[in-house]
């Protein structure tokens, strides 16, 4: 009977993990509400989940608030830059898709290819912002290089992200209540176990 209430019991540890994902999802949503703060909120989210996957759990709320505050300026600038680029690509894809000419088709597929690279970089951008203490130019450069060199792993991260969201939208909506935290945790698990060790990024890297 005592084992049933033991914190190390697998059931309790699983429930504790689910609770953490729920709280992280709520924190991310609340701190992303102004839209302009999505970058800082996402960086803080990954700061926490990266620690969790490395076995360095601590005070979840404290770590999130700390990372949000410390990375606010840079993460916000990174987010605004990527948002402008995303709007640019989205607008061009829409425009050239509705033009009926061979040149328009070629330009459409060119922007489509660039958009794929954009999605790959966007997937890696905020985890690297949370892990690397570097300037914006270096963050974008490292994101581009790491995305290319770890194409298959980034693709897996994107596929898993889509699957988790699809399950929440089409199968079982309560999954959405802890979807953001779960996505960040799964991505962080791939990063800490496979990608970061290749570059010696097990801990936060200074400039």
N, C-alpha and C. Protein backbone atom coordinates (compact mmCIF):
# COMPACT_ATOMS: atom_id res chain seq x y z
N UNK A 1 0.83 -1.20 0.00
CA UNK A 1 0.00 0.00 0.00
C UNK A 1 0.86 1.25 0.00
N UNK A 2 1.99 1.20 0.73
CA UNK A 2 2.86 2.36 0.82
C UNK A 2 3.44 2.71 -0.54
N UNK A 3 3.70 1.67 -1.37
CA UNK A 3 4.28 1.91 -2.68
C UNK A 3 3.31 2.66 -3.58
N UNK A 4 2.02 2.49 -3.32
CA UNK A 4 1.01 3.16 -4.14
C UNK A 4 1.13 4.67 -4.05
N UNK A 5 1.51 5.17 -2.85
CA UNK A 5 1.61 6.61 -2.63
C UNK A 5 3.05 7.10 -2.68
N UNK A 6 3.95 6.22 -3.10
CA UNK A 6 5.35 6.61 -3.25
C UNK A 6 5.49 7.48 -4.48
N UNK A 7 6.15 8.63 -4.35
CA UNK A 7 6.29 9.58 -5.46
C UNK A 7 7.03 8.94 -6.63
N UNK A 8 7.91 7.99 -6.35
CA UNK A 8 8.67 7.33 -7.42
C UNK A 8 7.87 6.25 -8.13
N UNK A 9 6.66 6.02 -7.67
CA UNK A 9 5.78 5.08 -8.34
C UNK A 9 5.56 5.54 -9.78
N UNK A 10 5.71 4.65 -10.79
CA UNK A 10 5.58 5.05 -12.20
C UNK A 10 4.28 5.79 -12.52
N UNK A 11 3.19 5.38 -11.85
CA UNK A 11 1.91 6.03 -12.11
C UNK A 11 1.94 7.48 -11.68
N UNK A 12 2.46 7.72 -10.45
CA UNK A 12 2.53 9.08 -9.93
C UNK A 12 3.50 9.94 -10.74
N UNK A 13 4.60 9.34 -11.19
CA UNK A 13 5.56 10.08 -12.00
C UNK A 13 4.94 10.45 -13.34
N UNK A 14 4.15 9.54 -13.90
CA UNK A 14 3.47 9.84 -15.16
C UNK A 14 2.47 10.98 -14.97
N UNK A 15 1.68 10.90 -13.90
CA UNK A 15 0.69 11.94 -13.62
C UNK A 15 1.37 13.29 -13.37
N UNK A 16 2.52 13.23 -12.68
CA UNK A 16 3.27 14.45 -12.45
C UNK A 16 3.77 15.05 -13.75
N UNK A 17 4.20 14.18 -14.68
CA UNK A 17 4.65 14.66 -15.98
C UNK A 17 3.52 15.29 -16.77
N UNK A 18 2.34 14.67 -16.73
CA UNK A 18 1.17 15.22 -17.42
C UNK A 18 0.81 16.58 -16.84
N UNK A 19 0.88 16.71 -15.53
CA UNK A 19 0.58 17.99 -14.87
C UNK A 19 1.58 19.06 -15.29
N UNK A 20 2.85 18.69 -15.38
CA UNK A 20 3.87 19.64 -15.83
C UNK A 20 3.58 20.12 -17.24
N UNK A 21 3.20 19.20 -18.14
CA UNK A 21 2.90 19.59 -19.51
C UNK A 21 1.69 20.52 -19.57
N UNK A 22 0.72 20.25 -18.70
CA UNK A 22 -0.47 21.11 -18.64
C UNK A 22 -0.10 22.52 -18.19
N UNK A 23 0.66 22.63 -17.10
CA UNK A 23 1.04 23.95 -16.59
C UNK A 23 1.91 24.70 -17.58
N UNK A 24 2.81 23.99 -18.26
CA UNK A 24 3.66 24.64 -19.26
C UNK A 24 2.82 25.16 -20.43
N UNK A 25 1.82 24.38 -20.84
CA UNK A 25 0.94 24.81 -21.92
C UNK A 25 0.18 26.07 -21.53
N UNK A 26 -0.34 26.09 -20.31
CA UNK A 26 -1.10 27.25 -19.83
C UNK A 26 -0.19 28.47 -19.72
N UNK A 27 1.02 28.28 -19.17
CA UNK A 27 1.97 29.39 -19.07
C UNK A 27 2.30 29.95 -20.44
N UNK A 28 2.55 29.06 -21.39
CA UNK A 28 2.89 29.51 -22.74
C UNK A 28 1.73 30.31 -23.35
N UNK A 29 0.51 29.80 -23.17
CA UNK A 29 -0.65 30.50 -23.73
C UNK A 29 -0.84 31.87 -23.11
N UNK A 30 -0.76 31.95 -21.79
CA UNK A 30 -0.98 33.21 -21.09
C UNK A 30 0.07 34.25 -21.47
N UNK A 31 1.34 33.82 -21.52
CA UNK A 31 2.42 34.77 -21.82
C UNK A 31 2.55 35.05 -23.31
N UNK A 32 1.79 34.32 -24.14
CA UNK A 32 1.82 34.57 -25.58
C UNK A 32 0.63 35.42 -26.04
N UNK A 33 -0.29 35.71 -25.13
CA UNK A 33 -1.52 36.40 -25.51
C UNK A 33 -1.31 37.72 -26.23
N UNK A 34 -0.33 38.55 -25.84
CA UNK A 34 -0.14 39.80 -26.58
C UNK A 34 0.39 39.58 -28.00
N UNK A 35 0.66 38.34 -28.39
CA UNK A 35 1.20 37.93 -29.69
C UNK A 35 2.64 38.35 -29.86
N UNK A 36 2.95 39.59 -29.53
CA UNK A 36 4.32 40.07 -29.67
C UNK A 36 5.28 39.34 -28.74
N UNK A 37 4.75 38.74 -27.68
CA UNK A 37 5.60 38.05 -26.69
C UNK A 37 5.70 36.54 -26.95
N UNK A 38 5.20 36.08 -28.08
CA UNK A 38 5.25 34.64 -28.37
C UNK A 38 6.68 34.13 -28.39
N UNK A 39 7.59 34.93 -28.93
CA UNK A 39 8.98 34.52 -28.98
C UNK A 39 9.59 34.30 -27.61
N UNK A 40 9.38 35.26 -26.72
CA UNK A 40 9.91 35.14 -25.35
C UNK A 40 9.25 33.98 -24.62
N UNK A 41 7.95 33.80 -24.85
CA UNK A 41 7.22 32.71 -24.20
C UNK A 41 7.70 31.34 -24.68
N UNK A 42 7.96 31.22 -25.97
CA UNK A 42 8.43 29.95 -26.53
C UNK A 42 9.85 29.64 -26.08
N UNK A 43 10.68 30.66 -26.01
CA UNK A 43 12.05 30.47 -25.51
C UNK A 43 12.03 30.00 -24.06
N UNK A 44 11.18 30.61 -23.25
CA UNK A 44 11.05 30.21 -21.85
C UNK A 44 10.54 28.78 -21.74
N UNK A 45 9.61 28.43 -22.60
CA UNK A 45 9.08 27.06 -22.62
C UNK A 45 10.20 26.05 -22.87
N UNK A 46 11.01 26.31 -23.88
CA UNK A 46 12.10 25.39 -24.21
C UNK A 46 13.20 25.41 -23.15
N UNK A 47 13.39 26.53 -22.52
CA UNK A 47 14.38 26.60 -21.45
C UNK A 47 14.02 25.59 -20.35
N UNK A 48 12.74 25.51 -20.03
CA UNK A 48 12.27 24.60 -18.99
C UNK A 48 12.33 23.15 -19.47
N UNK A 49 11.81 22.87 -20.67
CA UNK A 49 11.76 21.49 -21.14
C UNK A 49 13.15 20.92 -21.41
N UNK A 50 14.08 21.76 -21.84
CA UNK A 50 15.45 21.29 -22.02
C UNK A 50 16.05 20.85 -20.70
N UNK A 51 15.79 21.62 -19.65
CA UNK A 51 16.25 21.24 -18.32
C UNK A 51 15.61 19.92 -17.87
N UNK A 52 14.33 19.78 -18.15
CA UNK A 52 13.61 18.58 -17.74
C UNK A 52 14.17 17.33 -18.41
N UNK A 53 14.46 17.42 -19.71
CA UNK A 53 14.97 16.26 -20.44
C UNK A 53 16.40 15.91 -20.04
N UNK A 54 17.09 16.86 -19.43
CA UNK A 54 18.46 16.61 -18.96
C UNK A 54 18.49 16.21 -17.50
N UNK A 55 17.31 15.99 -16.92
CA UNK A 55 17.24 15.58 -15.52
C UNK A 55 17.56 16.68 -14.54
N UNK A 56 17.37 17.95 -14.99
CA UNK A 56 17.67 19.08 -14.12
C UNK A 56 16.38 19.83 -13.77
N UNK A 57 15.36 19.04 -13.44
CA UNK A 57 14.09 19.66 -13.05
C UNK A 57 14.26 20.50 -11.80
N UNK A 58 13.45 21.51 -11.73
CA UNK A 58 13.46 22.37 -10.55
C UNK A 58 12.10 23.00 -10.39
N UNK A 59 12.10 24.27 -10.05
CA UNK A 59 10.84 24.99 -9.90
C UNK A 59 10.36 25.45 -11.28
N UNK A 60 9.36 24.76 -11.81
CA UNK A 60 8.88 25.00 -13.16
C UNK A 60 8.52 26.46 -13.40
N UNK A 61 7.72 27.03 -12.52
CA UNK A 61 7.27 28.41 -12.69
C UNK A 61 8.44 29.38 -12.58
N UNK A 62 9.33 29.13 -11.64
CA UNK A 62 10.49 29.99 -11.44
C UNK A 62 11.37 30.01 -12.67
N UNK A 63 11.66 28.83 -13.23
CA UNK A 63 12.50 28.73 -14.42
C UNK A 63 11.85 29.43 -15.60
N UNK A 64 10.55 29.27 -15.75
CA UNK A 64 9.84 29.87 -16.88
C UNK A 64 9.89 31.40 -16.78
N UNK A 65 9.56 31.94 -15.61
CA UNK A 65 9.57 33.39 -15.43
C UNK A 65 10.97 33.95 -15.62
N UNK A 66 11.96 33.24 -15.11
CA UNK A 66 13.35 33.69 -15.22
C UNK A 66 13.78 33.75 -16.69
N UNK A 67 13.50 32.68 -17.43
CA UNK A 67 13.89 32.64 -18.83
C UNK A 67 13.12 33.67 -19.65
N UNK A 68 11.85 33.86 -19.35
CA UNK A 68 11.03 34.85 -20.06
C UNK A 68 11.62 36.24 -19.88
N UNK A 69 11.99 36.56 -18.65
CA UNK A 69 12.53 37.89 -18.36
C UNK A 69 13.92 38.10 -18.99
N UNK A 70 14.79 37.12 -18.85
CA UNK A 70 16.16 37.26 -19.31
C UNK A 70 16.28 37.27 -20.84
N UNK A 71 15.36 36.58 -21.53
CA UNK A 71 15.45 36.47 -22.98
C UNK A 71 14.41 37.31 -23.71
N UNK A 72 13.72 38.18 -22.99
CA UNK A 72 12.59 38.90 -23.57
C UNK A 72 12.98 39.72 -24.79
N UNK A 73 13.99 40.55 -24.66
CA UNK A 73 14.36 41.46 -25.75
C UNK A 73 14.80 40.69 -26.99
N UNK A 74 15.75 39.78 -26.83
CA UNK A 74 16.27 39.06 -27.99
C UNK A 74 15.22 38.16 -28.61
N UNK A 75 14.48 37.42 -27.78
CA UNK A 75 13.47 36.50 -28.30
C UNK A 75 12.35 37.24 -29.02
N UNK A 76 12.01 38.44 -28.53
CA UNK A 76 10.98 39.23 -29.19
C UNK A 76 11.44 39.70 -30.56
N UNK A 77 12.70 40.14 -30.66
CA UNK A 77 13.25 40.56 -31.95
C UNK A 77 13.31 39.38 -32.92
N UNK A 78 13.75 38.23 -32.42
CA UNK A 78 13.81 37.02 -33.26
C UNK A 78 12.42 36.66 -33.76
N UNK A 79 11.43 36.74 -32.88
CA UNK A 79 10.05 36.41 -33.25
C UNK A 79 9.52 37.38 -34.30
N UNK A 80 9.75 38.67 -34.13
CA UNK A 80 9.24 39.66 -35.07
C UNK A 80 9.88 39.48 -36.45
N UNK A 81 11.17 39.17 -36.48
CA UNK A 81 11.85 38.93 -37.75
C UNK A 81 11.25 37.71 -38.46
N UNK A 82 11.07 36.63 -37.71
CA UNK A 82 10.52 35.41 -38.32
C UNK A 82 9.06 35.61 -38.72
N UNK A 83 8.33 36.42 -37.97
CA UNK A 83 6.93 36.69 -38.30
C UNK A 83 6.83 37.45 -39.61
N UNK A 84 7.67 38.47 -39.78
CA UNK A 84 7.67 39.25 -41.03
C UNK A 84 8.04 38.35 -42.21
N UNK A 85 9.05 37.51 -42.04
CA UNK A 85 9.45 36.59 -43.11
C UNK A 85 8.32 35.62 -43.43
N UNK A 86 7.66 35.09 -42.39
CA UNK A 86 6.55 34.17 -42.60
C UNK A 86 5.39 34.81 -43.34
N UNK A 87 5.06 36.06 -43.00
CA UNK A 87 3.99 36.78 -43.70
C UNK A 87 4.39 37.02 -45.16
N UNK A 88 5.66 37.33 -45.38
CA UNK A 88 6.16 37.55 -46.74
C UNK A 88 6.01 36.29 -47.58
N UNK A 89 6.47 35.16 -47.05
CA UNK A 89 6.36 33.89 -47.77
C UNK A 89 4.90 33.51 -47.99
N UNK A 90 4.08 33.66 -46.96
CA UNK A 90 2.67 33.31 -47.07
C UNK A 90 1.96 34.14 -48.13
N UNK A 91 2.25 35.45 -48.15
CA UNK A 91 1.65 36.33 -49.14
C UNK A 91 2.07 35.99 -50.56
N UNK A 92 3.35 35.70 -50.73
CA UNK A 92 3.85 35.35 -52.06
C UNK A 92 3.28 34.02 -52.55
N UNK A 93 3.20 33.03 -51.64
CA UNK A 93 2.64 31.74 -52.02
C UNK A 93 1.19 31.91 -52.46
N UNK A 94 0.42 32.69 -51.73
CA UNK A 94 -0.99 32.93 -52.08
C UNK A 94 -1.10 33.64 -53.43
N UNK A 95 -0.26 34.64 -53.62
CA UNK A 95 -0.33 35.46 -54.84
C UNK A 95 0.02 34.63 -56.07
N UNK A 96 1.15 33.95 -56.04
CA UNK A 96 1.60 33.21 -57.22
C UNK A 96 0.79 31.94 -57.46
N UNK A 97 0.17 31.42 -56.43
CA UNK A 97 -0.69 30.24 -56.60
C UNK A 97 -1.90 30.56 -57.47
N UNK A 98 -2.36 31.81 -57.38
CA UNK A 98 -3.56 32.20 -58.12
C UNK A 98 -3.25 32.81 -59.48
N UNK A 99 -1.97 32.87 -59.84
CA UNK A 99 -1.61 33.31 -61.18
C UNK A 99 -1.47 32.09 -62.09
N UNK A 100 -1.90 32.24 -63.32
CA UNK A 100 -1.89 31.10 -64.25
C UNK A 100 -0.89 31.36 -65.37
N UNK A 101 0.36 31.10 -65.06
CA UNK A 101 1.41 31.21 -66.06
C UNK A 101 2.57 30.32 -65.63
N UNK A 102 3.39 29.95 -66.58
CA UNK A 102 4.52 29.09 -66.27
C UNK A 102 5.51 29.76 -65.34
N UNK A 103 5.73 31.04 -65.54
CA UNK A 103 6.64 31.79 -64.67
C UNK A 103 6.11 31.83 -63.24
N UNK A 104 4.81 32.04 -63.10
CA UNK A 104 4.20 32.08 -61.77
C UNK A 104 4.33 30.74 -61.07
N UNK A 105 4.20 29.64 -61.83
CA UNK A 105 4.35 28.30 -61.24
C UNK A 105 5.76 28.09 -60.74
N UNK A 106 6.74 28.50 -61.52
CA UNK A 106 8.14 28.36 -61.11
C UNK A 106 8.43 29.17 -59.85
N UNK A 107 7.92 30.41 -59.84
CA UNK A 107 8.14 31.27 -58.67
C UNK A 107 7.43 30.70 -57.45
N UNK A 108 6.23 30.14 -57.67
CA UNK A 108 5.49 29.53 -56.55
C UNK A 108 6.30 28.41 -55.92
N UNK A 109 6.85 27.51 -56.74
CA UNK A 109 7.61 26.39 -56.19
C UNK A 109 8.93 26.85 -55.57
N UNK A 110 9.47 27.94 -56.06
CA UNK A 110 10.67 28.51 -55.44
C UNK A 110 10.35 28.97 -54.03
N UNK A 111 9.26 29.72 -53.88
CA UNK A 111 8.86 30.19 -52.55
C UNK A 111 8.40 29.04 -51.66
N UNK A 112 7.82 28.01 -52.28
CA UNK A 112 7.41 26.85 -51.50
C UNK A 112 8.63 26.16 -50.89
N UNK A 113 9.68 26.02 -51.70
CA UNK A 113 10.92 25.41 -51.21
C UNK A 113 11.54 26.25 -50.09
N UNK A 114 11.56 27.56 -50.29
CA UNK A 114 12.10 28.44 -49.26
C UNK A 114 11.25 28.37 -47.99
N UNK A 115 9.95 28.19 -48.16
CA UNK A 115 9.05 28.09 -47.01
C UNK A 115 9.31 26.83 -46.20
N UNK A 116 9.69 25.75 -46.89
CA UNK A 116 10.04 24.51 -46.20
C UNK A 116 11.26 24.73 -45.31
N UNK A 117 12.28 25.41 -45.87
CA UNK A 117 13.46 25.74 -45.08
C UNK A 117 13.08 26.65 -43.91
N UNK A 118 12.13 27.55 -44.17
CA UNK A 118 11.66 28.46 -43.12
C UNK A 118 11.04 27.68 -41.96
N UNK A 119 10.22 26.68 -42.27
CA UNK A 119 9.59 25.86 -41.23
C UNK A 119 10.64 25.09 -40.43
N UNK A 120 11.65 24.57 -41.12
CA UNK A 120 12.72 23.84 -40.45
C UNK A 120 13.47 24.77 -39.50
N UNK A 121 13.79 25.96 -39.97
CA UNK A 121 14.51 26.91 -39.12
C UNK A 121 13.66 27.37 -37.95
N UNK A 122 12.37 27.59 -38.22
CA UNK A 122 11.46 28.03 -37.15
C UNK A 122 11.37 26.98 -36.05
N UNK A 123 11.41 25.71 -36.43
CA UNK A 123 11.35 24.62 -35.46
C UNK A 123 12.56 24.63 -34.53
N UNK A 124 13.72 25.00 -35.05
CA UNK A 124 14.95 24.97 -34.28
C UNK A 124 15.29 26.30 -33.61
N UNK A 125 14.68 27.37 -34.06
CA UNK A 125 15.10 28.71 -33.67
C UNK A 125 15.00 28.98 -32.17
N UNK A 126 13.86 28.69 -31.57
CA UNK A 126 13.66 29.04 -30.16
C UNK A 126 14.35 28.08 -29.20
N UNK A 127 14.46 26.78 -29.53
CA UNK A 127 15.30 25.93 -28.69
C UNK A 127 16.75 26.40 -28.64
N UNK A 128 17.28 26.85 -29.79
CA UNK A 128 18.65 27.35 -29.82
C UNK A 128 18.77 28.69 -29.11
N UNK A 129 17.74 29.51 -29.19
CA UNK A 129 17.75 30.78 -28.47
C UNK A 129 17.77 30.52 -26.97
N UNK A 130 17.07 29.46 -26.54
CA UNK A 130 17.06 29.11 -25.12
C UNK A 130 18.39 28.52 -24.67
N UNK A 131 19.11 27.88 -25.58
CA UNK A 131 20.33 27.18 -25.22
C UNK A 131 21.61 28.00 -25.45
N UNK A 132 21.65 28.81 -26.52
CA UNK A 132 22.86 29.55 -26.87
C UNK A 132 22.76 31.00 -26.43
N UNK A 133 23.74 31.45 -25.71
CA UNK A 133 23.81 32.86 -25.32
C UNK A 133 24.62 33.58 -26.38
N UNK A 134 23.96 33.93 -27.49
CA UNK A 134 24.64 34.54 -28.63
C UNK A 134 23.77 35.63 -29.23
N UNK A 135 24.38 36.43 -30.11
CA UNK A 135 23.65 37.49 -30.78
C UNK A 135 22.65 36.96 -31.78
N UNK A 136 21.78 37.83 -32.25
CA UNK A 136 20.71 37.42 -33.16
C UNK A 136 21.26 36.86 -34.46
N UNK A 137 22.27 37.52 -35.04
CA UNK A 137 22.84 37.04 -36.30
C UNK A 137 23.40 35.63 -36.14
N UNK A 138 24.10 35.40 -35.05
CA UNK A 138 24.69 34.08 -34.82
C UNK A 138 23.61 33.04 -34.58
N UNK A 139 22.55 33.42 -33.88
CA UNK A 139 21.44 32.50 -33.63
C UNK A 139 20.83 32.03 -34.95
N UNK A 140 20.57 32.98 -35.86
CA UNK A 140 19.99 32.62 -37.16
C UNK A 140 20.96 31.77 -37.97
N UNK A 141 22.24 32.11 -37.94
CA UNK A 141 23.22 31.33 -38.69
C UNK A 141 23.31 29.91 -38.15
N UNK A 142 23.40 29.76 -36.83
CA UNK A 142 23.50 28.44 -36.23
C UNK A 142 22.22 27.64 -36.47
N UNK A 143 21.08 28.31 -36.44
CA UNK A 143 19.82 27.63 -36.70
C UNK A 143 19.79 27.06 -38.12
N UNK A 144 20.24 27.86 -39.07
CA UNK A 144 20.29 27.42 -40.46
C UNK A 144 21.20 26.22 -40.63
N UNK A 145 22.40 26.29 -40.07
CA UNK A 145 23.39 25.23 -40.22
C UNK A 145 22.93 23.93 -39.53
N UNK A 146 22.43 24.07 -38.30
CA UNK A 146 22.00 22.89 -37.54
C UNK A 146 20.79 22.24 -38.21
N UNK A 147 19.89 23.05 -38.75
CA UNK A 147 18.71 22.50 -39.44
C UNK A 147 19.11 21.68 -40.66
N UNK A 148 20.09 22.18 -41.41
CA UNK A 148 20.54 21.46 -42.60
C UNK A 148 21.27 20.17 -42.23
N UNK A 149 22.15 20.24 -41.24
CA UNK A 149 22.95 19.08 -40.88
C UNK A 149 22.16 18.02 -40.13
N UNK A 150 21.02 18.40 -39.58
CA UNK A 150 20.19 17.45 -38.84
C UNK A 150 18.79 17.38 -39.46
N UNK A 151 18.77 17.34 -40.78
CA UNK A 151 17.52 17.41 -41.55
C UNK A 151 16.51 16.36 -41.09
N UNK A 152 16.95 15.11 -40.98
CA UNK A 152 16.03 14.02 -40.65
C UNK A 152 15.45 14.17 -39.24
N UNK A 153 16.27 14.64 -38.30
CA UNK A 153 15.79 14.80 -36.93
C UNK A 153 14.82 15.98 -36.81
N UNK A 154 15.10 17.05 -37.53
CA UNK A 154 14.18 18.19 -37.52
C UNK A 154 12.87 17.80 -38.18
N UNK A 155 12.96 17.01 -39.26
CA UNK A 155 11.75 16.51 -39.90
C UNK A 155 10.92 15.67 -38.94
N UNK A 156 11.58 14.84 -38.15
CA UNK A 156 10.88 14.03 -37.15
C UNK A 156 10.18 14.93 -36.13
N UNK A 157 10.86 16.00 -35.71
CA UNK A 157 10.25 16.95 -34.77
C UNK A 157 9.00 17.58 -35.35
N UNK A 158 9.05 17.94 -36.63
CA UNK A 158 7.90 18.56 -37.29
C UNK A 158 6.75 17.56 -37.40
N UNK A 159 7.07 16.33 -37.80
CA UNK A 159 6.04 15.30 -37.95
C UNK A 159 5.36 15.01 -36.61
N UNK A 160 6.15 14.89 -35.55
CA UNK A 160 5.59 14.63 -34.22
C UNK A 160 4.71 15.79 -33.76
N UNK A 161 5.14 17.01 -34.07
CA UNK A 161 4.35 18.19 -33.71
C UNK A 161 2.99 18.15 -34.40
N UNK A 162 3.00 17.86 -35.69
CA UNK A 162 1.75 17.79 -36.46
C UNK A 162 0.85 16.67 -35.92
N UNK A 163 1.45 15.54 -35.59
CA UNK A 163 0.67 14.39 -35.08
C UNK A 163 0.00 14.72 -33.75
N UNK A 164 0.73 15.36 -32.84
CA UNK A 164 0.16 15.71 -31.54
C UNK A 164 -1.00 16.68 -31.69
N UNK A 165 -0.82 17.68 -32.56
CA UNK A 165 -1.88 18.66 -32.79
C UNK A 165 -3.08 17.99 -33.45
N UNK A 166 -2.82 17.11 -34.42
CA UNK A 166 -3.90 16.42 -35.13
C UNK A 166 -4.70 15.53 -34.19
N UNK A 167 -4.03 14.86 -33.28
CA UNK A 167 -4.74 14.02 -32.30
C UNK A 167 -5.66 14.88 -31.45
N UNK A 168 -5.16 16.05 -31.03
CA UNK A 168 -5.97 16.95 -30.22
C UNK A 168 -7.15 17.53 -30.96
N UNK A 169 -6.96 17.84 -32.24
CA UNK A 169 -8.02 18.48 -33.03
C UNK A 169 -9.05 17.47 -33.53
N UNK A 170 -8.60 16.32 -34.00
CA UNK A 170 -9.49 15.38 -34.68
C UNK A 170 -9.88 14.14 -33.88
N UNK A 171 -9.12 13.83 -32.83
CA UNK A 171 -9.37 12.58 -32.11
C UNK A 171 -9.85 12.82 -30.68
N UNK A 172 -9.04 13.53 -29.89
CA UNK A 172 -9.35 13.67 -28.47
C UNK A 172 -8.93 15.07 -28.03
N UNK A 173 -9.89 16.00 -27.97
CA UNK A 173 -9.56 17.41 -27.78
C UNK A 173 -8.83 17.73 -26.47
N UNK A 174 -9.03 16.98 -25.35
CA UNK A 174 -8.28 17.30 -24.13
C UNK A 174 -6.75 17.26 -24.30
N UNK A 175 -6.28 16.56 -25.34
CA UNK A 175 -4.84 16.52 -25.61
C UNK A 175 -4.31 17.93 -25.83
N UNK A 176 -5.15 18.83 -26.34
CA UNK A 176 -4.72 20.20 -26.59
C UNK A 176 -4.37 20.94 -25.31
N UNK A 177 -4.92 20.48 -24.17
CA UNK A 177 -4.66 21.15 -22.90
C UNK A 177 -3.21 21.02 -22.45
N UNK A 178 -2.54 20.00 -22.94
CA UNK A 178 -1.11 19.87 -22.60
C UNK A 178 -0.26 19.63 -23.85
N UNK A 179 -0.80 20.04 -25.00
CA UNK A 179 -0.12 19.78 -26.28
C UNK A 179 1.16 20.58 -26.44
N UNK A 180 1.13 21.87 -26.11
CA UNK A 180 2.31 22.72 -26.31
C UNK A 180 3.48 22.25 -25.46
N UNK A 181 3.19 21.97 -24.19
CA UNK A 181 4.24 21.46 -23.31
C UNK A 181 4.78 20.13 -23.78
N UNK A 182 3.89 19.26 -24.27
CA UNK A 182 4.32 17.94 -24.75
C UNK A 182 5.18 18.06 -25.99
N UNK A 183 4.78 18.93 -26.93
CA UNK A 183 5.57 19.13 -28.14
C UNK A 183 6.97 19.63 -27.80
N UNK A 184 7.04 20.63 -26.92
CA UNK A 184 8.34 21.17 -26.53
C UNK A 184 9.19 20.13 -25.82
N UNK A 185 8.55 19.30 -24.99
CA UNK A 185 9.29 18.26 -24.26
C UNK A 185 9.83 17.20 -25.22
N UNK A 186 9.00 16.74 -26.16
CA UNK A 186 9.43 15.72 -27.12
C UNK A 186 10.56 16.26 -27.99
N UNK A 187 10.41 17.50 -28.47
CA UNK A 187 11.47 18.12 -29.27
C UNK A 187 12.76 18.27 -28.46
N UNK A 188 12.60 18.67 -27.21
CA UNK A 188 13.77 18.84 -26.34
C UNK A 188 14.47 17.52 -26.09
N UNK A 189 13.69 16.45 -26.01
CA UNK A 189 14.26 15.12 -25.81
C UNK A 189 15.15 14.73 -26.99
N UNK A 190 14.67 15.00 -28.19
CA UNK A 190 15.46 14.72 -29.40
C UNK A 190 16.72 15.59 -29.42
N UNK A 191 16.57 16.84 -29.06
CA UNK A 191 17.70 17.76 -29.10
C UNK A 191 18.78 17.39 -28.08
N UNK A 192 18.36 17.10 -26.87
CA UNK A 192 19.34 16.83 -25.80
C UNK A 192 20.00 15.46 -25.95
N UNK A 193 19.28 14.51 -26.53
CA UNK A 193 19.83 13.15 -26.66
C UNK A 193 20.60 12.94 -27.96
N UNK A 194 20.25 13.70 -29.01
CA UNK A 194 20.85 13.44 -30.32
C UNK A 194 21.61 14.65 -30.88
N UNK A 195 20.95 15.80 -30.96
CA UNK A 195 21.51 16.94 -31.69
C UNK A 195 22.55 17.71 -30.89
N UNK A 196 22.20 18.17 -29.70
CA UNK A 196 23.10 19.02 -28.93
C UNK A 196 24.43 18.37 -28.58
N UNK A 197 24.44 17.07 -28.24
CA UNK A 197 25.74 16.44 -27.92
C UNK A 197 26.74 16.50 -29.07
N UNK A 198 26.26 16.60 -30.30
CA UNK A 198 27.16 16.68 -31.45
C UNK A 198 27.96 17.98 -31.47
N UNK A 199 27.43 19.00 -30.79
CA UNK A 199 28.08 20.31 -30.81
C UNK A 199 28.58 20.74 -29.42
N UNK A 200 28.46 19.85 -28.45
CA UNK A 200 28.88 20.20 -27.10
C UNK A 200 27.97 21.20 -26.43
N UNK A 201 26.68 21.14 -26.78
CA UNK A 201 25.71 22.09 -26.23
C UNK A 201 24.87 21.49 -25.11
N UNK A 202 25.47 20.63 -24.30
CA UNK A 202 24.71 20.02 -23.21
C UNK A 202 24.28 21.06 -22.18
N UNK A 203 25.03 22.14 -22.07
CA UNK A 203 24.70 23.22 -21.16
C UNK A 203 24.61 24.52 -21.95
N UNK A 204 24.07 25.54 -21.31
CA UNK A 204 23.93 26.83 -22.00
C UNK A 204 25.30 27.36 -22.37
N UNK A 205 25.48 27.74 -23.62
CA UNK A 205 26.76 28.17 -24.15
C UNK A 205 26.83 29.69 -24.16
N UNK A 206 27.89 30.22 -23.59
CA UNK A 206 28.06 31.67 -23.56
C UNK A 206 28.62 32.16 -24.90
N UNK A 207 28.59 33.46 -25.10
CA UNK A 207 29.11 34.06 -26.33
C UNK A 207 30.61 33.78 -26.46
